[in-house]
Amino acid sequence: MSDVKLRPGRDDSMHARRQMEEVSAAKSDINNVAVFTKLIKKAEEVTQSAL
């Protein structure tokens, strides 16, 4: 009977951990986009100054 009570909590914990990993991955993706955006902006500035 205790297994029945513990099982849903364990599943919830695993689900929460998966969600946190997904959020972390999404934040990493957003940070990567921000870095690439800055690099593109710098490249545009260099190109404009070269013209």
PDB file of N, CA and C in Angstrom:
ATOM      1  N   MET A   1       0.814  -1.194   0.000  1.00  0.00           N
ATOM      2  CA  MET A   1       0.000   0.000   0.000  1.00  0.00           C
ATOM      3  C   MET A   1       0.866   1.269   0.000  1.00  0.00           C
ATOM      4  N   SER A   2       1.983   1.232   0.684  1.00  0.00           N
ATOM      5  CA  SER A   2       2.844   2.418   0.689  1.00  0.00           C
ATOM      6  C   SER A   2       3.424   2.684  -0.695  1.00  0.00           C
ATOM      7  N   ASP A   3       3.652   1.624  -1.491  1.00  0.00           N
ATOM      8  CA  ASP A   3       4.137   1.817  -2.854  1.00  0.00           C
ATOM      9  C   ASP A   3       3.132   2.596  -3.685  1.00  0.00           C
ATOM     10  N   VAL A   4       1.870   2.339  -3.467  1.00  0.00           N
ATOM     11  CA  VAL A   4       0.826   3.028  -4.219  1.00  0.00           C
ATOM     12  C   VAL A   4       0.851   4.521  -3.892  1.00  0.00           C
ATOM     13  N   LYS A   5       1.084   4.866  -2.646  1.00  0.00           N
ATOM     14  CA  LYS A   5       1.112   6.272  -2.245  1.00  0.00           C
ATOM     15  C   LYS A   5       2.395   6.965  -2.714  1.00  0.00           C
ATOM     16  N   LEU A   6       3.516   6.249  -2.720  1.00  0.00           N
ATOM     17  CA  LEU A   6       4.784   6.857  -3.100  1.00  0.00           C
ATOM     18  C   LEU A   6       4.948   7.002  -4.603  1.00  0.00           C
ATOM     19  N   ARG A   7       4.337   6.131  -5.346  1.00  0.00           N
ATOM     20  CA  ARG A   7       4.523   6.120  -6.798  1.00  0.00           C
ATOM     21  C   ARG A   7       4.124   7.443  -7.461  1.00  0.00           C
ATOM     22  N   PRO A   8       2.923   7.972  -7.191  1.00  0.00           N
ATOM     23  CA  PRO A   8       2.569   9.240  -7.857  1.00  0.00           C
ATOM     24  C   PRO A   8       3.529  10.378  -7.507  1.00  0.00           C
ATOM     25  N   GLY A   9       3.979  10.451  -6.276  1.00  0.00           N
ATOM     26  CA  GLY A   9       4.925  11.492  -5.893  1.00  0.00           C
ATOM     27  C   GLY A   9       6.235  11.357  -6.634  1.00  0.00           C
ATOM     28  N   ARG A  10       6.676  10.139  -6.792  1.00  0.00           N
ATOM     29  CA  ARG A  10       7.922   9.889  -7.519  1.00  0.00           C
ATOM     30  C   ARG A  10       7.763  10.280  -8.976  1.00  0.00           C
ATOM     31  N   ASP A  11       6.638   9.912  -9.574  1.00  0.00           N
ATOM     32  CA  ASP A  11       6.380  10.290 -10.963  1.00  0.00           C
ATOM     33  C   ASP A  11       6.312  11.806 -11.105  1.00  0.00           C
ATOM     34  N   ASP A  12       5.666  12.456 -10.138  1.00  0.00           N
ATOM     35  CA  ASP A  12       5.579  13.918 -10.168  1.00  0.00           C
ATOM     36  C   ASP A  12       6.969  14.539 -10.077  1.00  0.00           C
ATOM     37  N   SER A  13       7.810  13.960  -9.229  1.00  0.00           N
ATOM     38  CA  SER A  13       9.169  14.468  -9.072  1.00  0.00           C
ATOM     39  C   SER A  13       9.958  14.319 -10.368  1.00  0.00           C
ATOM     40  N   MET A  14       9.830  13.179 -11.017  1.00  0.00           N
ATOM     41  CA  MET A  14      10.529  12.957 -12.282  1.00  0.00           C
ATOM     42  C   MET A  14      10.008  13.910 -13.350  1.00  0.00           C
ATOM     43  N   HIS A  15       8.694  14.132 -13.352  1.00  0.00           N
ATOM     44  CA  HIS A  15       8.091  15.055 -14.318  1.00  0.00           C
ATOM     45  C   HIS A  15       8.592  16.477 -14.064  1.00  0.00           C
ATOM     46  N   ALA A  16       8.645  16.868 -12.800  1.00  0.00           N
ATOM     47  CA  ALA A  16       9.129  18.208 -12.451  1.00  0.00           C
ATOM     48  C   ALA A  16      10.591  18.367 -12.856  1.00  0.00           C
ATOM     49  N   ARG A  17      11.386  17.325 -12.636  1.00  0.00           N
ATOM     50  CA  ARG A  17      12.801  17.389 -13.019  1.00  0.00           C
ATOM     51  C   ARG A  17      12.938  17.539 -14.529  1.00  0.00           C
ATOM     52  N   ARG A  18      12.122  16.790 -15.280  1.00  0.00           N
ATOM     53  CA  ARG A  18      12.143  16.890 -16.741  1.00  0.00           C
ATOM     54  C   ARG A  18      11.778  18.301 -17.181  1.00  0.00           C
ATOM     55  N   GLN A  19      10.760  18.864 -16.543  1.00  0.00           N
ATOM     56  CA  GLN A  19      10.343  20.223 -16.894  1.00  0.00           C
ATOM     57  C   GLN A  19      11.453  21.228 -16.590  1.00  0.00           C
ATOM     58  N   MET A  20      12.132  21.063 -15.462  1.00  0.00           N
ATOM     59  CA  MET A  20      13.217  21.982 -15.115  1.00  0.00           C
ATOM     60  C   MET A  20      14.359  21.865 -16.115  1.00  0.00           C
ATOM     61  N   GLU A  21      14.640  20.647 -16.568  1.00  0.00           N
ATOM     62  CA  GLU A  21      15.682  20.461 -17.580  1.00  0.00           C
ATOM     63  C   GLU A  21      15.291  21.133 -18.892  1.00  0.00           C
ATOM     64  N   GLU A  22      14.001  21.026 -19.256  1.00  0.00           N
ATOM     65  CA  GLU A  22      13.527  21.668 -20.481  1.00  0.00           C
ATOM     66  C   GLU A  22      13.621  23.181 -20.368  1.00  0.00           C
ATOM     67  N   VAL A  23      13.271  23.721 -19.218  1.00  0.00           N
ATOM     68  CA  VAL A  23      13.364  25.168 -18.997  1.00  0.00           C
ATOM     69  C   VAL A  23      14.822  25.611 -19.064  1.00  0.00           C
ATOM     70  N   SER A  24      15.698  24.828 -18.462  1.00  0.00           N
ATOM     71  CA  SER A  24      17.125  25.151 -18.499  1.00  0.00           C
ATOM     72  C   SER A  24      17.649  25.140 -19.931  1.00  0.00           C
ATOM     73  N   ALA A  25      17.233  24.154 -20.703  1.00  0.00           N
ATOM     74  CA  ALA A  25      17.657  24.077 -22.109  1.00  0.00           C
ATOM     75  C   ALA A  25      17.120  25.266 -22.896  1.00  0.00           C
ATOM     76  N   ALA A  26      15.878  25.656 -22.616  1.00  0.00           N
ATOM     77  CA  ALA A  26      15.290  26.803 -23.311  1.00  0.00           C
ATOM     78  C   ALA A  26      16.040  28.087 -22.960  1.00  0.00           C
ATOM     79  N   LYS A  27      16.402  28.243 -21.682  1.00  0.00           N
ATOM     80  CA  LYS A  27      17.173  29.426 -21.275  1.00  0.00           C
ATOM     81  C   LYS A  27      18.524  29.450 -21.976  1.00  0.00           C
ATOM     82  N   SER A  28      19.136  28.291 -22.090  1.00  0.00           N
ATOM     83  CA  SER A  28      20.421  28.198 -22.785  1.00  0.00           C
ATOM     84  C   SER A  28      20.260  28.595 -24.248  1.00  0.00           C
ATOM     85  N   ASP A  29      19.182  28.124 -24.876  1.00  0.00           N
ATOM     86  CA  ASP A  29      18.916  28.490 -26.269  1.00  0.00           C
ATOM     87  C   ASP A  29      18.728  29.994 -26.409  1.00  0.00           C
ATOM     88  N   ILE A  30      17.993  30.588 -25.484  1.00  0.00           N
ATOM     89  CA  ILE A  30      17.757  32.034 -25.519  1.00  0.00           C
ATOM     90  C   ILE A  30      19.079  32.781 -25.362  1.00  0.00           C
ATOM     91  N   ASN A  31      19.921  32.316 -24.449  1.00  0.00           N
ATOM     92  CA  ASN A  31      21.232  32.954 -24.262  1.00  0.00           C
ATOM     93  C   ASN A  31      22.078  32.833 -25.521  1.00  0.00           C
ATOM     94  N   ASN A  32      22.027  31.674 -26.170  1.00  0.00           N
ATOM     95  CA  ASN A  32      22.786  31.487 -27.411  1.00  0.00           C
ATOM     96  C   ASN A  32      22.292  32.436 -28.499  1.00  0.00           C
ATOM     97  N   VAL A  33      20.987  32.603 -28.606  1.00  0.00           N
ATOM     98  CA  VAL A  33      20.425  33.524 -29.596  1.00  0.00           C
ATOM     99  C   VAL A  33      20.888  34.945 -29.291  1.00  0.00           C
ATOM    100  N   ALA A  34      20.898  35.310 -28.024  1.00  0.00           N
ATOM    101  CA  ALA A  34      21.346  36.651 -27.641  1.00  0.00           C
ATOM    102  C   ALA A  34      22.805  36.869 -28.035  1.00  0.00           C
ATOM    103  N   VAL A  35      23.642  35.881 -27.817  1.00  0.00           N
ATOM    104  CA  VAL A  35      25.059  35.992 -28.181  1.00  0.00           C
ATOM    105  C   VAL A  35      25.207  36.134 -29.686  1.00  0.00           C
ATOM    106  N   PHE A  36      24.511  35.293 -30.448  1.00  0.00           N
ATOM    107  CA  PHE A  36      24.605  35.371 -31.906  1.00  0.00           C
ATOM    108  C   PHE A  36      24.053  36.691 -32.426  1.00  0.00           C
ATOM    109  N   THR A  37      23.008  37.203 -31.798  1.00  0.00           N
ATOM    110  CA  THR A  37      22.452  38.491 -32.198  1.00  0.00           C
ATOM    111  C   THR A  37      23.485  39.600 -31.995  1.00  0.00           C
ATOM    112  N   LYS A  38      24.185  39.555 -30.867  1.00  0.00           N
ATOM    113  CA  LYS A  38      25.234  40.551 -30.615  1.00  0.00           C
ATOM    114  C   LYS A  38      26.350  40.435 -31.642  1.00  0.00           C
ATOM    115  N   LEU A  39      26.733  39.207 -31.977  1.00  0.00           N
ATOM    116  CA  LEU A  39      27.784  39.014 -32.977  1.00  0.00           C
ATOM    117  C   LEU A  39      27.358  39.552 -34.336  1.00  0.00           C
ATOM    118  N   ILE A  40      26.122  39.302 -34.713  1.00  0.00           N
ATOM    119  CA  ILE A  40      25.611  39.796 -35.999  1.00  0.00           C
ATOM    120  C   ILE A  40      25.595  41.320 -35.997  1.00  0.00           C
ATOM    121  N   LYS A  41      25.158  41.899 -34.882  1.00  0.00           N
ATOM    122  CA  LYS A  41      25.114  43.357 -34.775  1.00  0.00           C
ATOM    123  C   LYS A  41      26.519  43.948 -34.908  1.00  0.00           C
ATOM    124  N   LYS A  42      27.494  43.330 -34.249  1.00  0.00           N
ATOM    125  CA  LYS A  42      28.883  43.798 -34.358  1.00  0.00           C
ATOM    126  C   LYS A  42      29.379  43.672 -35.794  1.00  0.00           C
ATOM    127  N   ALA A  43      29.052  42.568 -36.447  1.00  0.00           N
ATOM    128  CA  ALA A  43      29.473  42.372 -37.841  1.00  0.00           C
ATOM    129  C   ALA A  43      28.855  43.435 -38.735  1.00  0.00           C
ATOM    130  N   GLU A  44      27.595  43.783 -38.488  1.00  0.00           N
ATOM    131  CA  GLU A  44      26.939  44.838 -39.268  1.00  0.00           C
ATOM    132  C   GLU A  44      27.630  46.181 -39.040  1.00  0.00           C
ATOM    133  N   GLU A  45      27.988  46.463 -37.787  1.00  0.00           N
ATOM    134  CA  GLU A  45      28.670  47.721 -37.475  1.00  0.00           C
ATOM    135  C   GLU A  45      30.028  47.791 -38.170  1.00  0.00           C
ATOM    136  N   VAL A  46      30.756  46.695 -38.151  1.00  0.00           N
ATOM    137  CA  VAL A  46      32.066  46.655 -38.806  1.00  0.00           C
ATOM    138  C   VAL A  46      31.902  46.841 -40.306  1.00  0.00           C
ATOM    139  N   THR A  47      30.897  46.194 -40.869  1.00  0.00           N
ATOM    140  CA  THR A  47      30.640  46.321 -42.308  1.00  0.00           C
ATOM    141  C   THR A  47      30.288  47.761 -42.662  1.00  0.00           C
ATOM    142  N   GLN A  48      29.431  48.387 -41.865  1.00  0.00           N
ATOM    143  CA  GLN A  48      29.039  49.772 -42.124  1.00  0.00           C
ATOM    144  C   GLN A  48      30.237  50.715 -42.006  1.00  0.00           C
ATOM    145  N   SER A  49      31.079  50.484 -41.015  1.00  0.00           N
ATOM    146  CA  SER A  49      32.239  51.372 -40.851  1.00  0.00           C
ATOM    147  C   SER A  49      33.265  51.160 -41.964  1.00  0.00           C
ATOM    148  N   ALA A  50      33.292  49.980 -42.547  1.00  0.00           N
ATOM    149  CA  ALA A  50      34.222  49.703 -43.648  1.00  0.00           C
ATOM    150  C   ALA A  50      33.756  50.360 -44.937  1.00  0.00           C
ATOM    151  N   LEU A  51      32.467  50.614 -45.046  1.00  0.00           N
ATOM    152  CA  LEU A  51      31.929  51.258 -46.248  1.00  0.00           C
ATOM    153  C   LEU A  51      32.145  52.738 -46.122  1.00  0.00           C
TER     154      LEU A  51
END
